Amino acid sequence: MEKHRFQKLRMKTGIYLSPGCFGPGLHLVHFGYVWVDESSRIGKNCTILPRVLLGKKRPGIEVPNIFIGENCYIGTGSTILGPVKIGNNVTIAAGAVVVKDVPDNCIVAGNPAKVVKWKD
């Protein structure tokens, strides 16, 4: 029964979140396409906007292993392709494509994403 309810909500909202991937305090701003599979781990107090995809860089990677730290903000239309590790207190700009590790306390933007500013 629970699996059927999960699938129905996923189709209705356009959001696919694998159970157990998130720390406490997850904030989804509003409905829209968000895809997070079971190989991802997202820290506490993260905000995710619509049209975000967490996936693998290329075919043949069994498990993309995407790790996102605490207090991160992931902007609209962002794509994060693993394997990759994103530090704590990171802001990912709208439309960014993250393919490399990101250090703590910074803002990344672009395709491929690069550090554009360090947070104080």
PDB file of N, CA and C in Angstrom:
ATOM      1  N   MET A   1       0.816  -1.194   0.000  1.00  0.00           N
ATOM      2  CA  MET A   1       0.000   0.000   0.000  1.00  0.00           C
ATOM      3  C   MET A   1       0.862   1.262   0.000  1.00  0.00           C
ATOM      4  N   GLU A   2       1.923   1.277   0.815  1.00  0.00           N
ATOM      5  CA  GLU A   2       2.783   2.456   0.913  1.00  0.00           C
ATOM      6  C   GLU A   2       3.520   2.721  -0.404  1.00  0.00           C
ATOM      7  N   LYS A   3       3.961   1.667  -1.084  1.00  0.00           N
ATOM      8  CA  LYS A   3       4.658   1.825  -2.355  1.00  0.00           C
ATOM      9  C   LYS A   3       3.732   2.445  -3.400  1.00  0.00           C
ATOM     10  N   HIS A   4       2.483   2.014  -3.433  1.00  0.00           N
ATOM     11  CA  HIS A   4       1.508   2.576  -4.372  1.00  0.00           C
ATOM     12  C   HIS A   4       1.281   4.062  -4.096  1.00  0.00           C
ATOM     13  N   ARG A   5       1.180   4.433  -2.833  1.00  0.00           N
ATOM     14  CA  ARG A   5       0.984   5.835  -2.450  1.00  0.00           C
ATOM     15  C   ARG A   5       2.193   6.681  -2.868  1.00  0.00           C
ATOM     16  N   PHE A   6       3.388   6.149  -2.670  1.00  0.00           N
ATOM     17  CA  PHE A   6       4.619   6.833  -3.058  1.00  0.00           C
ATOM     18  C   PHE A   6       4.645   7.094  -4.566  1.00  0.00           C
ATOM     19  N   GLN A   7       4.312   6.092  -5.363  1.00  0.00           N
ATOM     20  CA  GLN A   7       4.312   6.246  -6.812  1.00  0.00           C
ATOM     21  C   GLN A   7       3.255   7.241  -7.280  1.00  0.00           C
ATOM     22  N   LYS A   8       2.096   7.227  -6.649  1.00  0.00           N
ATOM     23  CA  LYS A   8       1.018   8.151  -7.007  1.00  0.00           C
ATOM     24  C   LYS A   8       1.437   9.597  -6.718  1.00  0.00           C
ATOM     25  N   LEU A   9       2.033   9.840  -5.558  1.00  0.00           N
ATOM     26  CA  LEU A   9       2.504  11.180  -5.224  1.00  0.00           C
ATOM     27  C   LEU A   9       3.628  11.626  -6.149  1.00  0.00           C
ATOM     28  N   ARG A  10       4.502  10.705  -6.515  1.00  0.00           N
ATOM     29  CA  ARG A  10       5.598  11.028  -7.428  1.00  0.00           C
ATOM     30  C   ARG A  10       5.055  11.491  -8.778  1.00  0.00           C
ATOM     31  N   MET A  11       4.060  10.816  -9.300  1.00  0.00           N
ATOM     32  CA  MET A  11       3.469  11.189 -10.587  1.00  0.00           C
ATOM     33  C   MET A  11       2.715  12.516 -10.488  1.00  0.00           C
ATOM     34  N   LYS A  12       2.047  12.733  -9.392  1.00  0.00           N
ATOM     35  CA  LYS A  12       1.253  13.954  -9.214  1.00  0.00           C
ATOM     36  C   LYS A  12       2.134  15.197  -9.077  1.00  0.00           C
ATOM     37  N   THR A  13       3.231  15.100  -8.360  1.00  0.00           N
ATOM     38  CA  THR A  13       4.057  16.265  -8.057  1.00  0.00           C
ATOM     39  C   THR A  13       5.252  16.442  -8.993  1.00  0.00           C
ATOM     40  N   GLY A  14       5.690  15.380  -9.675  1.00  0.00           N
ATOM     41  CA  GLY A  14       6.888  15.457 -10.507  1.00  0.00           C
ATOM     42  C   GLY A  14       8.160  15.388  -9.687  1.00  0.00           C
ATOM     43  N   ILE A  15       8.055  14.902  -8.468  1.00  0.00           N
ATOM     44  CA  ILE A  15       9.207  14.837  -7.573  1.00  0.00           C
ATOM     45  C   ILE A  15       9.502  13.369  -7.248  1.00  0.00           C
ATOM     46  N   TYR A  16      10.748  12.945  -7.487  1.00  0.00           N
ATOM     47  CA  TYR A  16      11.169  11.600  -7.128  1.00  0.00           C
ATOM     48  C   TYR A  16      12.299  11.709  -6.122  1.00  0.00           C
ATOM     49  N   LEU A  17      12.013  11.367  -4.888  1.00  0.00           N
ATOM     50  CA  LEU A  17      12.997  11.397  -3.814  1.00  0.00           C
ATOM     51  C   LEU A  17      13.087   9.998  -3.224  1.00  0.00           C
ATOM     52  N   SER A  18      14.242   9.390  -3.328  1.00  0.00           N
ATOM     53  CA  SER A  18      14.410   8.069  -2.738  1.00  0.00           C
ATOM     54  C   SER A  18      14.398   8.188  -1.219  1.00  0.00           C
ATOM     55  N   PRO A  19      13.698   7.285  -0.547  1.00  0.00           N
ATOM     56  CA  PRO A  19      13.650   7.339   0.916  1.00  0.00           C
ATOM     57  C   PRO A  19      15.040   7.199   1.537  1.00  0.00           C
ATOM     58  N   GLY A  20      15.293   7.966   2.581  1.00  0.00           N
ATOM     59  CA  GLY A  20      16.529   7.864   3.332  1.00  0.00           C
ATOM     60  C   GLY A  20      17.707   8.626   2.758  1.00  0.00           C
ATOM     61  N   CYS A  21      17.507   9.455   1.755  1.00  0.00           N
ATOM     62  CA  CYS A  21      18.609  10.199   1.129  1.00  0.00           C
ATOM     63  C   CYS A  21      18.878  11.540   1.789  1.00  0.00           C
ATOM     64  N   PHE A  22      17.944  12.033   2.577  1.00  0.00           N
ATOM     65  CA  PHE A  22      18.023  13.396   3.086  1.00  0.00           C
ATOM     66  C   PHE A  22      18.169  13.454   4.593  1.00  0.00           C
ATOM     67  N   GLY A  23      18.899  14.478   5.042  1.00  0.00           N
ATOM     68  CA  GLY A  23      18.967  14.784   6.460  1.00  0.00           C
ATOM     69  C   GLY A  23      17.735  15.603   6.840  1.00  0.00           C
ATOM     70  N   PRO A  24      17.570  15.922   8.104  1.00  0.00           N
ATOM     71  CA  PRO A  24      16.407  16.703   8.537  1.00  0.00           C
ATOM     72  C   PRO A  24      16.463  18.131   7.985  1.00  0.00           C
ATOM     73  N   GLY A  25      15.310  18.736   7.824  1.00  0.00           N
ATOM     74  CA  GLY A  25      15.233  20.124   7.404  1.00  0.00           C
ATOM     75  C   GLY A  25      15.229  20.340   5.902  1.00  0.00           C
ATOM     76  N   LEU A  26      14.955  19.311   5.100  1.00  0.00           N
ATOM     77  CA  LEU A  26      14.870  19.474   3.656  1.00  0.00           C
ATOM     78  C   LEU A  26      13.745  20.448   3.314  1.00  0.00           C
ATOM     79  N   HIS A  27      14.016  21.384   2.389  1.00  0.00           N
ATOM     80  CA  HIS A  27      13.015  22.356   1.984  1.00  0.00           C
ATOM     81  C   HIS A  27      12.877  22.322   0.468  1.00  0.00           C
ATOM     82  N   LEU A  28      11.727  21.839  -0.011  1.00  0.00           N
ATOM     83  CA  LEU A  28      11.405  21.890  -1.431  1.00  0.00           C
ATOM     84  C   LEU A  28      10.499  23.103  -1.616  1.00  0.00           C
ATOM     85  N   VAL A  29      10.945  24.077  -2.399  1.00  0.00           N
ATOM     86  CA  VAL A  29      10.253  25.355  -2.471  1.00  0.00           C
ATOM     87  C   VAL A  29       8.851  25.213  -3.053  1.00  0.00           C
ATOM     88  N   HIS A  30       8.689  24.490  -4.151  1.00  0.00           N
ATOM     89  CA  HIS A  30       7.355  24.207  -4.689  1.00  0.00           C
ATOM     90  C   HIS A  30       7.436  23.040  -5.654  1.00  0.00           C
ATOM     91  N   PHE A  31       6.279  22.582  -6.112  1.00  0.00           N
ATOM     92  CA  PHE A  31       6.223  21.427  -7.003  1.00  0.00           C
ATOM     93  C   PHE A  31       6.982  21.708  -8.291  1.00  0.00           C
ATOM     94  N   GLY A  32       7.498  20.675  -8.877  1.00  0.00           N
ATOM     95  CA  GLY A  32       8.234  20.750 -10.136  1.00  0.00           C
ATOM     96  C   GLY A  32       9.193  19.590 -10.186  1.00  0.00           C
ATOM     97  N   TYR A  33       9.746  19.321 -11.319  1.00  0.00           N
ATOM     98  CA  TYR A  33      10.600  18.170 -11.509  1.00  0.00           C
ATOM     99  C   TYR A  33      11.835  18.229 -10.609  1.00  0.00           C
ATOM    100  N   VAL A  34      11.969  17.236  -9.757  1.00  0.00           N
ATOM    101  CA  VAL A  34      13.164  17.035  -8.937  1.00  0.00           C
ATOM    102  C   VAL A  34      13.425  15.533  -8.921  1.00  0.00           C
ATOM    103  N   TRP A  35      14.641  15.116  -9.251  1.00  0.00           N
ATOM    104  CA  TRP A  35      14.980  13.695  -9.283  1.00  0.00           C
ATOM    105  C   TRP A  35      16.218  13.453  -8.433  1.00  0.00           C
ATOM    106  N   VAL A  36      16.051  12.667  -7.374  1.00  0.00           N
ATOM    107  CA  VAL A  36      17.158  12.285  -6.494  1.00  0.00           C
ATOM    108  C   VAL A  36      17.058  10.780  -6.271  1.00  0.00           C
ATOM    109  N   ASP A  37      18.063  10.036  -6.748  1.00  0.00           N
ATOM    110  CA  ASP A  37      17.996   8.583  -6.599  1.00  0.00           C
ATOM    111  C   ASP A  37      18.671   8.112  -5.319  1.00  0.00           C
ATOM    112  N   GLU A  38      18.654   6.802  -5.112  1.00  0.00           N
ATOM    113  CA  GLU A  38      19.111   6.221  -3.847  1.00  0.00           C
ATOM    114  C   GLU A  38      20.618   6.307  -3.617  1.00  0.00           C
ATOM    115  N   SER A  39      21.397   6.644  -4.618  1.00  0.00           N
ATOM    116  CA  SER A  39      22.848   6.735  -4.429  1.00  0.00           C
ATOM    117  C   SER A  39      23.290   8.112  -3.942  1.00  0.00           C
ATOM    118  N   SER A  40      22.352   9.024  -3.746  1.00  0.00           N
ATOM    119  CA  SER A  40      22.670  10.381  -3.299  1.00  0.00           C
ATOM    120  C   SER A  40      22.471  10.518  -1.798  1.00  0.00           C
ATOM    121  N   ARG A  41      23.280  11.364  -1.173  1.00  0.00           N
ATOM    122  CA  ARG A  41      23.144  11.693   0.239  1.00  0.00           C
ATOM    123  C   ARG A  41      23.175  13.205   0.371  1.00  0.00           C
ATOM    124  N   ILE A  42      22.142  13.754   0.990  1.00  0.00           N
ATOM    125  CA  ILE A  42      22.024  15.199   1.128  1.00  0.00           C
ATOM    126  C   ILE A  42      21.917  15.538   2.605  1.00  0.00           C
ATOM    127  N   GLY A  43      22.767  16.470   3.051  1.00  0.00           N
ATOM    128  CA  GLY A  43      22.838  16.854   4.454  1.00  0.00           C
ATOM    129  C   GLY A  43      21.618  17.615   4.936  1.00  0.00           C
ATOM    130  N   LYS A  44      21.667  18.024   6.197  1.00  0.00           N
ATOM    131  CA  LYS A  44      20.517  18.689   6.798  1.00  0.00           C
ATOM    132  C   LYS A  44      20.382  20.143   6.324  1.00  0.00           C
ATOM    133  N   ASN A  45      19.143  20.634   6.413  1.00  0.00           N
ATOM    134  CA  ASN A  45      18.799  22.034   6.108  1.00  0.00           C
ATOM    135  C   ASN A  45      19.165  22.464   4.688  1.00  0.00           C
ATOM    136  N   CYS A  46      18.915  21.618   3.715  1.00  0.00           N
ATOM    137  CA  CYS A  46      19.168  21.965   2.320  1.00  0.00           C
ATOM    138  C   CYS A  46      17.876  22.420   1.650  1.00  0.00           C
ATOM    139  N   THR A  47      18.014  23.328   0.691  1.00  0.00           N
ATOM    140  CA  THR A  47      16.886  23.831  -0.081  1.00  0.00           C
ATOM    141  C   THR A  47      17.078  23.435  -1.528  1.00  0.00           C
ATOM    142  N   ILE A  48      16.026  22.863  -2.136  1.00  0.00           N
ATOM    143  CA  ILE A  48      16.092  22.441  -3.533  1.00  0.00           C
ATOM    144  C   ILE A  48      14.923  23.068  -4.281  1.00  0.00           C
ATOM    145  N   LEU A  49      15.244  23.782  -5.363  1.00  0.00           N
ATOM    146  CA  LEU A  49      14.226  24.376  -6.211  1.00  0.00           C
ATOM    147  C   LEU A  49      13.853  23.394  -7.324  1.00  0.00           C
ATOM    148  N   PRO A  50      12.812  23.687  -8.112  1.00  0.00           N
ATOM    149  CA  PRO A  50      12.366  22.756  -9.164  1.00  0.00           C
ATOM    150  C   PRO A  50      13.380  22.567 -10.283  1.00  0.00           C
ATOM    151  N   ARG A  51      13.156  21.494 -11.061  1.00  0.00           N
ATOM    152  CA  ARG A  51      13.943  21.127 -12.231  1.00  0.00           C
ATOM    153  C   ARG A  51      15.386  20.796 -11.886  1.00  0.00           C
ATOM    154  N   VAL A  52      15.591  20.125 -10.767  1.00  0.00           N
ATOM    155  CA  VAL A  52      16.932  19.717 -10.338  1.00  0.00           C
ATOM    156  C   VAL A  52      17.100  18.222 -10.612  1.00  0.00           C
ATOM    157  N   LEU A  53      18.247  17.864 -11.178  1.00  0.00           N
ATOM    158  CA  LEU A  53      18.550  16.473 -11.498  1.00  0.00           C
ATOM    159  C   LEU A  53      19.873  16.088 -10.863  1.00  0.00           C
ATOM    160  N   LEU A  54      19.885  14.984 -10.146  1.00  0.00           N
ATOM    161  CA  LEU A  54      21.107  14.392  -9.621  1.00  0.00           C
ATOM    162  C   LEU A  54      21.279  13.067 -10.335  1.00  0.00           C
ATOM    163  N   GLY A  55      22.341  12.920 -11.117  1.00  0.00           N
ATOM    164  CA  GLY A  55      22.530  11.710 -11.914  1.00  0.00           C
ATOM    165  C   GLY A  55      23.986  11.383 -12.115  1.00  0.00           C
ATOM    166  N   LYS A  56      24.278  10.556 -13.135  1.00  0.00           N
ATOM    167  CA  LYS A  56      25.661  10.144 -13.379  1.00  0.00           C
ATOM    168  C   LYS A  56      26.229  10.830 -14.623  1.00  0.00           C
ATOM    169  N   LYS A  57      27.561  11.014 -14.616  1.00  0.00           N
ATOM    170  CA  LYS A  57      28.252  11.738 -15.682  1.00  0.00           C
ATOM    171  C   LYS A  57      28.165  11.030 -17.026  1.00  0.00           C
ATOM    172  N   ARG A  58      28.279   9.712 -17.015  1.00  0.00           N
ATOM    173  CA  ARG A  58      28.315   8.975 -18.270  1.00  0.00           C
ATOM    174  C   ARG A  58      27.793   7.559 -18.046  1.00  0.00           C
ATOM    175  N   PRO A  59      27.379   6.901 -19.105  1.00  0.00           N
ATOM    176  CA  PRO A  59      26.933   5.514 -18.971  1.00  0.00           C
ATOM    177  C   PRO A  59      28.068   4.633 -18.454  1.00  0.00           C
ATOM    178  N   GLY A  60      27.722   3.595 -17.775  1.00  0.00           N
ATOM    179  CA  GLY A  60      28.722   2.662 -17.276  1.00  0.00           C
ATOM    180  C   GLY A  60      29.095   2.881 -15.823  1.00  0.00           C
ATOM    181  N   ILE A  61      28.736   4.038 -15.262  1.00  0.00           N
ATOM    182  CA  ILE A  61      28.979   4.271 -13.839  1.00  0.00           C
ATOM    183  C   ILE A  61      27.837   3.598 -13.088  1.00  0.00           C
ATOM    184  N   GLU A  62      28.163   2.609 -12.280  1.00  0.00           N
ATOM    185  CA  GLU A  62      27.130   1.858 -11.571  1.00  0.00           C
ATOM    186  C   GLU A  62      26.377   2.725 -10.568  1.00  0.00           C
ATOM    187  N   VAL A  63      27.117   3.394  -9.701  1.00  0.00           N
ATOM    188  CA  VAL A  63      26.512   4.217  -8.657  1.00  0.00           C
ATOM    189  C   VAL A  63      27.181   5.590  -8.694  1.00  0.00           C
ATOM    190  N   PRO A  64      26.430   6.667  -8.984  1.00  0.00           N
ATOM    191  CA  PRO A  64      27.059   7.975  -9.113  1.00  0.00           C
ATOM    192  C   PRO A  64      27.591   8.574  -7.807  1.00  0.00           C
ATOM    193  N   ASN A  65      27.111   8.130  -6.649  1.00  0.00           N
ATOM    194  CA  ASN A  65      27.603   8.621  -5.352  1.00  0.00           C
ATOM    195  C   ASN A  65      27.728  10.139  -5.299  1.00  0.00           C
ATOM    196  N   ILE A  66      26.629  10.795  -5.079  1.00  0.00           N
ATOM    197  CA  ILE A  66      26.593  12.245  -4.954  1.00  0.00           C
ATOM    198  C   ILE A  66      26.388  12.574  -3.486  1.00  0.00           C
ATOM    199  N   PHE A  67      27.323  13.343  -2.923  1.00  0.00           N
ATOM    200  CA  PHE A  67      27.243  13.748  -1.530  1.00  0.00           C
ATOM    201  C   PHE A  67      27.129  15.266  -1.473  1.00  0.00           C
ATOM    202  N   ILE A  68      26.078  15.748  -0.845  1.00  0.00           N
ATOM    203  CA  ILE A  68      25.852  17.188  -0.700  1.00  0.00           C
ATOM    204  C   ILE A  68      25.857  17.497   0.785  1.00  0.00           C
ATOM    205  N   GLY A  69      26.632  18.501   1.165  1.00  0.00           N
ATOM    206  CA  GLY A  69      26.794  18.858   2.570  1.00  0.00           C
ATOM    207  C   GLY A  69      25.568  19.521   3.174  1.00  0.00           C
ATOM    208  N   GLU A  70      25.773  20.110   4.335  1.00  0.00           N
ATOM    209  CA  GLU A  70      24.685  20.751   5.074  1.00  0.00           C
ATOM    210  C   GLU A  70      24.509  22.200   4.633  1.00  0.00           C
ATOM    211  N   ASN A  71      23.268  22.705   4.805  1.00  0.00           N
ATOM    212  CA  ASN A  71      22.930  24.111   4.541  1.00  0.00           C
ATOM    213  C   ASN A  71      23.235  24.534   3.102  1.00  0.00           C
ATOM    214  N   CYS A  72      22.944  23.680   2.142  1.00  0.00           N
ATOM    215  CA  CYS A  72      23.183  23.991   0.739  1.00  0.00           C
ATOM    216  C   CYS A  72      21.897  24.478   0.072  1.00  0.00           C
ATOM    217  N   TYR A  73      22.058  25.287  -0.963  1.00  0.00           N
ATOM    218  CA  TYR A  73      20.940  25.833  -1.734  1.00  0.00           C
ATOM    219  C   TYR A  73      21.183  25.446  -3.187  1.00  0.00           C
ATOM    220  N   ILE A  74      20.245  24.697  -3.764  1.00  0.00           N
ATOM    221  CA  ILE A  74      20.398  24.218  -5.136  1.00  0.00           C
ATOM    222  C   ILE A  74      19.354  24.921  -5.997  1.00  0.00           C
ATOM    223  N   GLY A  75      19.820  25.772  -6.911  1.00  0.00           N
ATOM    224  CA  GLY A  75      18.954  26.619  -7.717  1.00  0.00           C
ATOM    225  C   GLY A  75      18.200  25.876  -8.813  1.00  0.00           C
ATOM    226  N   THR A  76      17.209  26.546  -9.356  1.00  0.00           N
ATOM    227  CA  THR A  76      16.341  26.010 -10.403  1.00  0.00           C
ATOM    228  C   THR A  76      17.150  25.552 -11.618  1.00  0.00           C
ATOM    229  N   GLY A  77      16.821  24.379 -12.126  1.00  0.00           N
ATOM    230  CA  GLY A  77      17.439  23.877 -13.343  1.00  0.00           C
ATOM    231  C   GLY A  77      18.857  23.385 -13.180  1.00  0.00           C
ATOM    232  N   SER A  78      19.315  23.210 -11.961  1.00  0.00           N
ATOM    233  CA  SER A  78      20.679  22.726 -11.733  1.00  0.00           C
ATOM    234  C   SER A  78      20.777  21.236 -12.037  1.00  0.00           C
ATOM    235  N   THR A  79      21.947  20.823 -12.496  1.00  0.00           N
ATOM    236  CA  THR A  79      22.226  19.423 -12.754  1.00  0.00           C
ATOM    237  C   THR A  79      23.514  19.072 -12.011  1.00  0.00           C
ATOM    238  N   ILE A  80      23.463  18.006 -11.237  1.00  0.00           N
ATOM    239  CA  ILE A  80      24.636  17.552 -10.491  1.00  0.00           C
ATOM    240  C   ILE A  80      24.934  16.132 -10.954  1.00  0.00           C
ATOM    241  N   LEU A  81      26.105  15.953 -11.577  1.00  0.00           N
ATOM    242  CA  LEU A  81      26.460  14.666 -12.160  1.00  0.00           C
ATOM    243  C   LEU A  81      27.617  14.053 -11.399  1.00  0.00           C
ATOM    244  N   GLY A  82      27.370  12.871 -10.828  1.00  0.00           N
ATOM    245  CA  GLY A  82      28.351  12.237  -9.970  1.00  0.00           C
ATOM    246  C   GLY A  82      29.197  11.219 -10.688  1.00  0.00           C
ATOM    247  N   PRO A  83      30.221  10.737 -10.021  1.00  0.00           N
ATOM    248  CA  PRO A  83      30.488  10.929  -8.597  1.00  0.00           C
ATOM    249  C   PRO A  83      31.042  12.322  -8.305  1.00  0.00           C
ATOM    250  N   VAL A  84      30.479  12.954  -7.260  1.00  0.00           N
ATOM    251  CA  VAL A  84      30.875  14.307  -6.889  1.00  0.00           C
ATOM    252  C   VAL A  84      30.554  14.548  -5.420  1.00  0.00           C
ATOM    253  N   LYS A  85      31.338  15.421  -4.780  1.00  0.00           N
ATOM    254  CA  LYS A  85      31.103  15.791  -3.385  1.00  0.00           C
ATOM    255  C   LYS A  85      30.984  17.311  -3.316  1.00  0.00           C
ATOM    256  N   ILE A  86      29.895  17.784  -2.731  1.00  0.00           N
ATOM    257  CA  ILE A  86      29.641  19.211  -2.574  1.00  0.00           C
ATOM    258  C   ILE A  86      29.727  19.519  -1.083  1.00  0.00           C
ATOM    259  N   GLY A  87      30.505  20.535  -0.746  1.00  0.00           N
ATOM    260  CA  GLY A  87      30.751  20.871   0.653  1.00  0.00           C
ATOM    261  C   GLY A  87      29.560  21.500   1.355  1.00  0.00           C
ATOM    262  N   ASN A  88      29.786  21.938   2.585  1.00  0.00           N
ATOM    263  CA  ASN A  88      28.756  22.604   3.397  1.00  0.00           C
ATOM    264  C   ASN A  88      28.619  24.071   2.990  1.00  0.00           C
ATOM    265  N   ASN A  89      27.421  24.629   3.198  1.00  0.00           N
ATOM    266  CA  ASN A  89      27.141  26.049   2.950  1.00  0.00           C
ATOM    267  C   ASN A  89      27.448  26.471   1.516  1.00  0.00           C
ATOM    268  N   VAL A  90      27.063  25.651   0.560  1.00  0.00           N
ATOM    269  CA  VAL A  90      27.306  25.931  -0.854  1.00  0.00           C
ATOM    270  C   VAL A  90      26.004  26.368  -1.514  1.00  0.00           C
ATOM    271  N   THR A  91      26.100  27.379  -2.385  1.00  0.00           N
ATOM    272  CA  THR A  91      24.977  27.798  -3.210  1.00  0.00           C
ATOM    273  C   THR A  91      25.301  27.413  -4.649  1.00  0.00           C
ATOM    274  N   ILE A  92      24.387  26.674  -5.269  1.00  0.00           N
ATOM    275  CA  ILE A  92      24.534  26.293  -6.668  1.00  0.00           C
ATOM    276  C   ILE A  92      23.558  27.152  -7.459  1.00  0.00           C
ATOM    277  N   ALA A  93      24.076  27.967  -8.362  1.00  0.00           N
ATOM    278  CA  ALA A  93      23.254  28.915  -9.112  1.00  0.00           C
ATOM    279  C   ALA A  93      22.305  28.193 -10.066  1.00  0.00           C
ATOM    280  N   ALA A  94      21.261  28.896 -10.462  1.00  0.00           N
ATOM    281  CA  ALA A  94      20.277  28.356 -11.399  1.00  0.00           C
ATOM    282  C   ALA A  94      20.958  27.952 -12.699  1.00  0.00           C
ATOM    283  N   GLY A  95      20.644  26.767 -13.188  1.00  0.00           N
ATOM    284  CA  GLY A  95      21.168  26.288 -14.454  1.00  0.00           C
ATOM    285  C   GLY A  95      22.590  25.764 -14.420  1.00  0.00           C
ATOM    286  N   ALA A  96      23.207  25.717 -13.263  1.00  0.00           N
ATOM    287  CA  ALA A  96      24.592  25.237 -13.161  1.00  0.00           C
ATOM    288  C   ALA A  96      24.659  23.736 -13.413  1.00  0.00           C
ATOM    289  N   VAL A  97      25.777  23.303 -13.972  1.00  0.00           N
ATOM    290  CA  VAL A  97      26.022  21.883 -14.185  1.00  0.00           C
ATOM    291  C   VAL A  97      27.282  21.522 -13.408  1.00  0.00           C
ATOM    292  N   VAL A  98      27.105  20.824 -12.304  1.00  0.00           N
ATOM    293  CA  VAL A  98      28.207  20.478 -11.408  1.00  0.00           C
ATOM    294  C   VAL A  98      28.737  19.099 -11.789  1.00  0.00           C
ATOM    295  N   VAL A  99      30.024  19.043 -12.179  1.00  0.00           N
ATOM    296  CA  VAL A  99      30.643  17.777 -12.566  1.00  0.00           C
ATOM    297  C   VAL A  99      31.917  17.487 -11.772  1.00  0.00           C
ATOM    298  N   LYS A 100      32.360  18.461 -10.947  1.00  0.00           N
ATOM    299  CA  LYS A 100      33.557  18.286 -10.113  1.00  0.00           C
ATOM    300  C   LYS A 100      33.223  18.624  -8.664  1.00  0.00           C
ATOM    301  N   ASP A 101      34.082  18.172  -7.757  1.00  0.00           N
ATOM    302  CA  ASP A 101      33.887  18.460  -6.336  1.00  0.00           C
ATOM    303  C   ASP A 101      33.857  19.969  -6.090  1.00  0.00           C
ATOM    304  N   VAL A 102      33.047  20.364  -5.100  1.00  0.00           N
ATOM    305  CA  VAL A 102      32.896  21.774  -4.748  1.00  0.00           C
ATOM    306  C   VAL A 102      33.302  21.945  -3.286  1.00  0.00           C
ATOM    307  N   PRO A 103      34.186  22.921  -2.975  1.00  0.00           N
ATOM    308  CA  PRO A 103      34.610  23.125  -1.583  1.00  0.00           C
ATOM    309  C   PRO A 103      33.513  23.788  -0.745  1.00  0.00           C
ATOM    310  N   ASP A 104      33.732  23.846   0.567  1.00  0.00           N
ATOM    311  CA  ASP A 104      32.793  24.495   1.485  1.00  0.00           C
ATOM    312  C   ASP A 104      32.722  26.001   1.232  1.00  0.00           C
ATOM    313  N   ASN A 105      31.583  26.592   1.650  1.00  0.00           N
ATOM    314  CA  ASN A 105      31.418  28.053   1.735  1.00  0.00           C
ATOM    315  C   ASN A 105      31.686  28.804   0.438  1.00  0.00           C
ATOM    316  N   CYS A 106      31.044  28.397  -0.634  1.00  0.00           N
ATOM    317  CA  CYS A 106      31.223  29.119  -1.897  1.00  0.00           C
ATOM    318  C   CYS A 106      29.936  29.123  -2.717  1.00  0.00           C
ATOM    319  N   ILE A 107      29.962  29.904  -3.790  1.00  0.00           N
ATOM    320  CA  ILE A 107      28.869  29.956  -4.746  1.00  0.00           C
ATOM    321  C   ILE A 107      29.438  29.471  -6.075  1.00  0.00           C
ATOM    322  N   VAL A 108      28.749  28.512  -6.717  1.00  0.00           N
ATOM    323  CA  VAL A 108      29.193  28.004  -8.011  1.00  0.00           C
ATOM    324  C   VAL A 108      28.137  28.302  -9.065  1.00  0.00           C
ATOM    325  N   ALA A 109      28.596  28.532 -10.298  1.00  0.00           N
ATOM    326  CA  ALA A 109      27.689  28.819 -11.402  1.00  0.00           C
ATOM    327  C   ALA A 109      28.355  28.405 -12.705  1.00  0.00           C
ATOM    328  N   GLY A 110      27.553  28.245 -13.741  1.00  0.00           N
ATOM    329  CA  GLY A 110      28.062  27.981 -15.076  1.00  0.00           C
ATOM    330  C   GLY A 110      27.950  26.537 -15.497  1.00  0.00           C
ATOM    331  N   ASN A 111      28.417  26.295 -16.739  1.00  0.00           N
ATOM    332  CA  ASN A 111      28.403  24.966 -17.325  1.00  0.00           C
ATOM    333  C   ASN A 111      29.760  24.734 -17.980  1.00  0.00           C
ATOM    334  N   PRO A 112      30.655  23.989 -17.383  1.00  0.00           N
ATOM    335  CA  PRO A 112      30.589  23.338 -16.076  1.00  0.00           C
ATOM    336  C   PRO A 112      30.717  24.363 -14.948  1.00  0.00           C
ATOM    337  N   ALA A 113      30.173  24.021 -13.808  1.00  0.00           N
ATOM    338  CA  ALA A 113      30.145  24.945 -12.669  1.00  0.00           C
ATOM    339  C   ALA A 113      31.547  25.230 -12.146  1.00  0.00           C
ATOM    340  N   LYS A 114      31.775  26.509 -11.838  1.00  0.00           N
ATOM    341  CA  LYS A 114      33.044  26.961 -11.253  1.00  0.00           C
ATOM    342  C   LYS A 114      32.728  27.879 -10.084  1.00  0.00           C
ATOM    343  N   VAL A 115      33.658  27.992  -9.164  1.00  0.00           N
ATOM    344  CA  VAL A 115      33.473  28.887  -8.026  1.00  0.00           C
ATOM    345  C   VAL A 115      33.494  30.323  -8.546  1.00  0.00           C
ATOM    346  N   VAL A 116      32.423  31.076  -8.241  1.00  0.00           N
ATOM    347  CA  VAL A 116      32.360  32.471  -8.667  1.00  0.00           C
ATOM    348  C   VAL A 116      32.514  33.432  -7.499  1.00  0.00           C
ATOM    349  N   LYS A 117      32.303  32.908  -6.276  1.00  0.00           N
ATOM    350  CA  LYS A 117      32.428  33.760  -5.094  1.00  0.00           C
ATOM    351  C   LYS A 117      32.594  32.891  -3.858  1.00  0.00           C
ATOM    352  N   TRP A 118      33.391  33.400  -2.928  1.00  0.00           N
ATOM    353  CA  TRP A 118      33.552  32.727  -1.640  1.00  0.00           C
ATOM    354  C   TRP A 118      32.685  33.437  -0.620  1.00  0.00           C
ATOM    355  N   LYS A 119      32.003  32.665   0.228  1.00  0.00           N
ATOM    356  CA  LYS A 119      31.169  33.245   1.281  1.00  0.00           C
ATOM    357  C   LYS A 119      32.033  33.591   2.490  1.00  0.00           C
ATOM    358  N   ASP A 120      31.654  34.617   3.189  1.00  0.00           N
ATOM    359  CA  ASP A 120      32.387  35.036   4.403  1.00  0.00           C
ATOM    360  C   ASP A 120      32.017  34.180   5.579  1.00  0.00           C
TER     361      ASP A 120
END
